[in-house]
Amino acid sequence: MRRDRVAEDIYTFTSELYAQVTAGVILTSEGTVVIDTLPFPQETQEMLAFVREHGQGTVRYVINTHYHSDHTNGTYMFAGAEVIAHQWCHHMLSQYGKRSLAEAKRETAALSDVQIHLPSIVVESDAYIHLGDRSLYITPLPGHTRDSIGVMVEGDRILFAGDAVLPVPYIVWGDAANSINSLRAVRALRPESVVQGHGDLLLKGELGEELESSIRYIETLVEAVQSMVSQNAPQSAVARIDIESCGKSRVPLDGLVQHLHRENAIAVYRRLSGKTEALEDQMLF
């Protein structure tokens, strides 16, 4: 696991075991706020040890930016903390979490101790948290999933965007139009930096172009798939739409973005051709 200090008493933690998932820790004089957790208990345990060593008081809040297990698996480890998430995060975890986790445990022994921990505080729209000298602004950023939220640390203007911002947008569980709207909402927030749900911190100087690139990516992909659907091309034809033709590099996340791109293309094809399949019970990424 990699740890980075992004501002005074604000840290990010990045998984080295799965897809460069990120989580955050905000230390205050009245306790700690944790934003997301990491996929495997051993990594979240390192976060918890850091908080115990450097924090003042207990972890007061854990904020889940969305329901996917790579961001929520470690929530159960913060006993006594209030867990904040969108109401749809609560719904998805309660509806599908136990079954999905049981399947994951059968495949991955390292998840044997993980438990589903439901949010105790749910939000539907904009909300604020005040703790110590910190004010956090929570805002919906749907598109990757229906329940996606972002958390802005006011003053420092650091946005923890969850999977609403990624090196390549991932819309398999979500919606292209909502994803574009959320990327524009991120831009309108004018953050100084953005913590992506996976991958590196985005700084102010590069943020505008990254967000525009992601918007163009979605628009270009949808247009290309729409053309194929209009020509009655089979689903397999979308393999011809490579990631570079949509304006994104195949390098980030150690090349995993190519897989995300292929799944995006298939998901868009199925939606445009009326072959949408339910994906709500799938919990990863």
Protein backbone atom coordinates (compact mmCIF):
# COMPACT_ATOMS: atom_id res chain seq x y z
CA MET A 1 0.00 0.00 0.00
CA ARG A 2 1.22 3.49 -0.85
CA ARG A 3 0.57 6.47 1.42
CA ASP A 4 0.75 10.09 0.24
CA ARG A 5 0.26 13.36 2.11
CA VAL A 6 -1.80 15.65 -0.11
CA ALA A 7 -2.32 18.51 2.37
CA GLU A 8 -1.97 19.25 6.08
CA ASP A 9 -3.51 16.27 7.89
CA ILE A 10 -4.99 14.85 4.67
CA TYR A 11 -3.62 11.58 3.31
CA THR A 12 -4.40 9.16 0.53
CA PHE A 13 -3.80 5.42 0.58
CA THR A 14 -3.46 3.45 -2.65
CA SER A 15 -3.85 -0.31 -2.95
CA GLU A 16 -0.96 -2.22 -4.45
CA LEU A 17 -3.02 -5.42 -4.50
CA TYR A 18 -6.00 -4.41 -6.66
CA ALA A 19 -6.40 -1.79 -9.38
CA GLN A 20 -4.75 1.10 -7.51
CA VAL A 21 -7.89 1.73 -5.46
CA THR A 22 -7.64 4.90 -3.38
CA ALA A 23 -8.93 5.81 0.07
CA GLY A 24 -8.51 8.91 2.21
CA VAL A 25 -7.89 9.92 5.81
CA ILE A 26 -8.60 13.39 7.19
CA LEU A 27 -7.23 14.04 10.68
CA THR A 28 -8.89 16.68 12.85
CA SER A 29 -8.65 17.78 16.48
CA GLU A 30 -11.96 16.03 17.19
CA GLY A 31 -11.37 12.75 15.43
CA THR A 32 -10.81 11.31 11.97
CA VAL A 33 -12.82 11.04 8.77
CA VAL A 34 -12.09 8.08 6.49
CA ILE A 35 -13.21 8.26 2.87
CA ASP A 36 -13.58 4.78 1.39
CA THR A 37 -11.51 1.77 2.41
CA LEU A 38 -9.24 -0.60 0.51
CA PRO A 39 -10.14 -3.95 -1.07
CA PHE A 40 -8.27 -6.28 1.30
CA PRO A 41 -8.37 -6.22 5.12
CA GLN A 42 -4.59 -6.19 5.44
CA GLU A 43 -4.42 -2.84 3.62
CA THR A 44 -7.29 -1.25 5.51
CA GLN A 45 -5.63 -2.48 8.71
CA GLU A 46 -2.58 -0.40 7.77
CA MET A 47 -4.84 2.65 7.37
CA LEU A 48 -6.34 1.97 10.79
CA ALA A 49 -2.90 1.63 12.36
CA PHE A 50 -1.89 4.98 10.83
CA VAL A 51 -4.97 6.66 12.28
CA ARG A 52 -4.31 5.21 15.73
CA GLU A 53 -0.74 6.49 15.65
CA HIS A 54 -1.33 9.94 14.18
CA GLY A 55 -4.97 10.82 14.83
CA GLN A 56 -6.58 12.50 17.81
CA GLY A 57 -9.46 10.48 19.16
CA THR A 58 -11.38 7.87 17.20
CA VAL A 59 -12.57 7.54 13.63
CA ARG A 60 -15.81 9.51 13.76
CA TYR A 61 -17.01 9.01 10.20
CA VAL A 62 -16.44 6.62 7.32
CA ILE A 63 -17.81 7.90 4.01
CA ASN A 64 -18.48 5.35 1.24
CA THR A 65 -18.39 7.05 -2.17
CA HIS A 66 -20.37 4.13 -3.68
CA TYR A 67 -21.32 0.55 -2.96
CA HIS A 68 -18.64 -1.36 -4.88
CA SER A 69 -16.75 -3.79 -2.68
CA ASP A 70 -13.27 -2.58 -3.58
CA HIS A 71 -14.20 0.66 -1.78
CA THR A 72 -16.39 -0.71 1.02
CA ASN A 73 -14.78 -4.02 2.07
CA GLY A 74 -12.91 -2.46 4.97
CA THR A 75 -15.77 -0.42 6.42
CA TYR A 76 -16.51 -3.04 9.09
CA MET A 77 -13.05 -2.50 10.60
CA PHE A 78 -13.96 0.98 11.88
CA ALA A 79 -16.16 -0.07 14.77
CA GLY A 80 -18.07 2.79 16.36
CA ALA A 81 -17.79 5.13 13.39
CA GLU A 82 -20.86 6.60 11.71
CA VAL A 83 -20.95 5.38 8.10
CA ILE A 84 -22.23 7.91 5.58
CA ALA A 85 -23.31 7.09 2.03
CA HIS A 86 -26.01 7.74 -0.54
CA GLN A 87 -29.34 6.05 0.15
CA TRP A 88 -28.80 3.88 -2.93
CA CYS A 89 -25.52 2.66 -1.50
CA HIS A 90 -27.46 1.39 1.51
CA HIS A 91 -29.98 -0.25 -0.82
CA MET A 92 -27.37 -1.96 -2.98
CA LEU A 93 -25.34 -3.26 -0.04
CA SER A 94 -28.41 -4.56 1.78
CA GLN A 95 -29.92 -6.06 -1.37
CA TYR A 96 -26.87 -7.67 -2.96
CA GLY A 97 -23.93 -7.30 -0.57
CA LYS A 98 -24.10 -10.55 1.40
CA ARG A 99 -24.56 -12.75 -1.67
CA SER A 100 -21.79 -11.03 -3.59
CA LEU A 101 -19.43 -11.17 -0.62
CA ALA A 102 -20.11 -14.88 -0.10
CA GLU A 103 -19.17 -15.53 -3.73
CA ALA A 104 -16.01 -13.43 -3.38
CA LYS A 105 -14.97 -15.29 -0.23
CA ARG A 106 -15.20 -18.61 -2.05
CA GLU A 107 -12.71 -17.32 -4.59
CA THR A 108 -10.43 -15.21 -2.37
CA ALA A 109 -9.36 -16.48 1.04
CA ALA A 110 -7.99 -13.04 2.01
CA LEU A 111 -11.59 -11.78 2.25
CA SER A 112 -12.66 -14.38 4.82
CA ASP A 113 -13.05 -11.85 7.67
CA VAL A 114 -14.88 -9.17 5.66
CA GLN A 115 -18.41 -8.27 6.75
CA ILE A 116 -21.03 -6.10 5.14
CA HIS A 117 -21.40 -2.89 7.16
CA LEU A 118 -24.41 -0.83 6.15
CA PRO A 119 -24.41 2.97 6.21
CA SER A 120 -25.94 4.48 9.35
CA ILE A 121 -26.45 7.93 7.78
CA VAL A 122 -27.78 8.24 4.23
CA VAL A 123 -27.95 11.27 1.98
CA GLU A 124 -29.98 11.96 -1.14
CA SER A 125 -28.59 15.36 -2.10
CA ASP A 126 -25.92 17.83 -1.00
CA ALA A 127 -24.85 17.60 2.64
CA TYR A 128 -22.17 18.94 4.99
CA ILE A 129 -20.08 17.44 7.77
CA HIS A 130 -18.22 19.60 10.26
CA LEU A 131 -15.56 18.04 12.47
CA GLY A 132 -12.84 19.92 14.28
CA ASP A 133 -11.57 22.59 11.93
CA ARG A 134 -12.75 20.75 8.80
CA SER A 135 -15.89 21.19 6.73
CA LEU A 136 -16.70 18.51 4.15
CA TYR A 137 -19.19 19.00 1.34
CA ILE A 138 -20.86 15.82 0.06
CA THR A 139 -22.49 15.93 -3.37
CA PRO A 140 -24.01 13.30 -5.68
CA LEU A 141 -21.90 12.41 -8.73
CA PRO A 142 -23.91 9.64 -10.44
CA GLY A 143 -22.84 7.95 -13.63
CA HIS A 144 -20.35 5.29 -12.62
CA THR A 145 -23.12 4.06 -10.35
CA ARG A 146 -26.42 5.55 -9.30
CA ASP A 147 -25.18 6.07 -5.73
CA SER A 148 -21.82 7.70 -6.47
CA ILE A 149 -20.93 10.74 -4.36
CA GLY A 150 -17.97 13.08 -4.07
CA VAL A 151 -16.51 14.65 -0.93
CA MET A 152 -14.94 18.11 -1.10
CA VAL A 153 -12.62 19.18 1.70
CA GLU A 154 -13.42 22.87 1.89
CA GLY A 155 -10.55 25.27 2.38
CA ASP A 156 -8.04 22.94 0.76
CA ARG A 157 -10.47 22.35 -2.15
CA ILE A 158 -9.50 18.68 -2.39
CA LEU A 159 -12.22 16.54 -3.98
CA PHE A 160 -12.42 12.84 -3.21
CA ALA A 161 -14.36 11.89 -6.34
CA GLY A 162 -14.63 8.13 -5.96
CA ASP A 163 -15.10 6.38 -9.29
CA ALA A 164 -16.87 9.38 -10.81
CA VAL A 165 -13.36 10.36 -11.93
CA LEU A 166 -11.08 7.65 -13.28
CA PRO A 167 -8.23 7.48 -15.81
CA VAL A 168 -10.88 6.05 -18.16
CA PRO A 169 -14.57 6.53 -17.29
CA TYR A 170 -16.27 3.25 -16.42
CA ILE A 171 -19.99 3.22 -17.12
CA VAL A 172 -20.87 -0.47 -17.10
CA TRP A 173 -23.14 -0.08 -14.04
CA GLY A 174 -24.11 3.49 -14.77
CA ASP A 175 -25.11 5.88 -17.48
CA ALA A 176 -23.15 7.81 -20.10
CA ALA A 177 -25.17 11.03 -19.87
CA ASN A 178 -25.03 11.09 -16.07
CA SER A 179 -21.30 10.43 -16.15
CA ILE A 180 -20.77 13.42 -18.45
CA ASN A 181 -22.95 15.61 -16.24
CA SER A 182 -20.97 14.57 -13.16
CA LEU A 183 -17.65 15.27 -14.85
CA ARG A 184 -18.95 18.74 -15.67
CA ALA A 185 -20.11 19.12 -12.07
CA VAL A 186 -16.61 18.25 -10.89
CA ARG A 187 -15.20 20.95 -13.14
CA ALA A 188 -17.75 23.46 -11.81
CA LEU A 189 -16.63 22.74 -8.24
CA ARG A 190 -13.20 24.16 -9.17
CA PRO A 191 -11.16 21.85 -6.95
CA GLU A 192 -7.46 22.40 -6.43
CA SER A 193 -6.92 18.64 -6.80
CA VAL A 194 -8.98 15.49 -7.29
CA VAL A 195 -8.44 12.10 -5.69
CA GLN A 196 -9.61 9.60 -8.29
CA GLY A 197 -11.20 6.34 -7.19
CA HIS A 198 -8.30 4.52 -8.83
CA GLY A 199 -4.94 5.90 -9.85
CA ASP A 200 -2.98 9.08 -9.32
CA LEU A 201 -3.97 12.41 -7.80
CA LEU A 202 -5.05 14.98 -10.39
CA LEU A 203 -3.66 18.47 -9.83
CA LYS A 204 -5.34 21.73 -10.82
CA GLY A 205 -3.10 22.32 -13.83
CA GLU A 206 -4.01 19.02 -15.47
CA LEU A 207 -7.55 18.64 -14.21
CA GLY A 208 -9.37 20.62 -16.90
CA GLU A 209 -7.86 18.65 -19.77
CA GLU A 210 -8.37 15.33 -17.97
CA LEU A 211 -12.06 16.04 -17.42
CA GLU A 212 -12.55 17.21 -21.02
CA SER A 213 -10.71 14.12 -22.23
CA SER A 214 -13.06 11.89 -20.24
CA ILE A 215 -16.14 13.68 -21.58
CA ARG A 216 -14.86 13.31 -25.15
CA TYR A 217 -14.09 9.66 -24.48
CA ILE A 218 -17.68 8.89 -23.51
CA GLU A 219 -19.14 10.92 -26.36
CA THR A 220 -16.82 9.32 -28.92
CA LEU A 221 -17.45 5.80 -27.66
CA VAL A 222 -21.23 6.19 -27.66
CA GLU A 223 -21.16 7.67 -31.18
CA ALA A 224 -18.96 4.84 -32.50
CA VAL A 225 -21.14 2.13 -30.95
CA GLN A 226 -24.31 3.83 -32.14
CA SER A 227 -22.98 3.71 -35.69
CA MET A 228 -22.40 -0.03 -35.39
CA VAL A 229 -25.84 -0.66 -33.91
CA SER A 230 -27.40 1.36 -36.75
CA GLN A 231 -25.64 -0.93 -39.21
CA ASN A 232 -26.87 -4.04 -37.37
CA ALA A 233 -23.29 -5.03 -36.60
CA PRO A 234 -22.87 -7.86 -34.06
CA GLN A 235 -21.68 -7.15 -30.53
CA SER A 236 -18.26 -8.57 -31.38
CA ALA A 237 -17.74 -5.63 -33.77
CA VAL A 238 -17.16 -3.25 -30.87
CA ALA A 239 -13.74 -4.84 -30.39
CA ARG A 240 -12.64 -2.73 -33.35
CA ILE A 241 -13.14 0.44 -31.28
CA ASP A 242 -9.77 0.76 -29.58
CA ILE A 243 -9.19 2.98 -26.60
CA GLU A 244 -6.83 5.35 -28.42
CA SER A 245 -9.47 6.10 -31.05
CA CYS A 246 -11.61 7.44 -28.21
CA GLY A 247 -8.80 9.68 -27.01
CA LYS A 248 -7.49 7.75 -24.00
CA SER A 249 -4.17 6.03 -23.32
CA ARG A 250 -3.97 2.30 -22.69
CA VAL A 251 -1.22 2.75 -20.07
CA PRO A 252 -2.93 3.84 -16.78
CA LEU A 253 -3.69 1.36 -14.00
CA ASP A 254 -1.00 -0.93 -15.41
CA GLY A 255 -3.03 -1.38 -18.58
CA LEU A 256 -6.28 -2.31 -16.82
CA VAL A 257 -7.98 0.59 -18.59
CA GLN A 258 -8.04 -1.48 -21.79
CA HIS A 259 -10.26 -4.02 -20.04
CA LEU A 260 -12.49 -1.23 -18.71
CA HIS A 261 -12.78 0.21 -22.21
CA ARG A 262 -13.81 -3.14 -23.72
CA GLU A 263 -16.48 -3.59 -21.06
CA ASN A 264 -17.72 -0.03 -21.64
CA ALA A 265 -18.11 -0.72 -25.35
CA ILE A 266 -20.05 -3.93 -24.74
CA ALA A 267 -22.30 -2.28 -22.15
CA VAL A 268 -23.09 0.65 -24.47
CA TYR A 269 -23.81 -1.77 -27.32
CA ARG A 270 -26.24 -3.76 -25.17
CA ARG A 271 -28.06 -0.65 -24.03
CA LEU A 272 -28.35 0.86 -27.50
CA SER A 273 -29.49 -2.44 -28.99
CA GLY A 274 -32.00 -3.12 -26.22
CA LYS A 275 -30.08 -6.04 -24.73
CA THR A 276 -29.38 -4.54 -21.33
CA GLU A 277 -28.67 -7.08 -18.63
CA ALA A 278 -28.97 -6.48 -14.89
CA LEU A 279 -25.59 -5.73 -13.32
CA GLU A 280 -26.67 -4.43 -9.93
CA ASP A 281 -25.59 -7.54 -8.06
CA GLN A 282 -21.98 -7.27 -9.26
CA MET A 283 -19.96 -5.49 -6.64
CA LEU A 284 -16.42 -4.89 -7.90
CA PHE A 285 -15.09 -1.75 -9.60
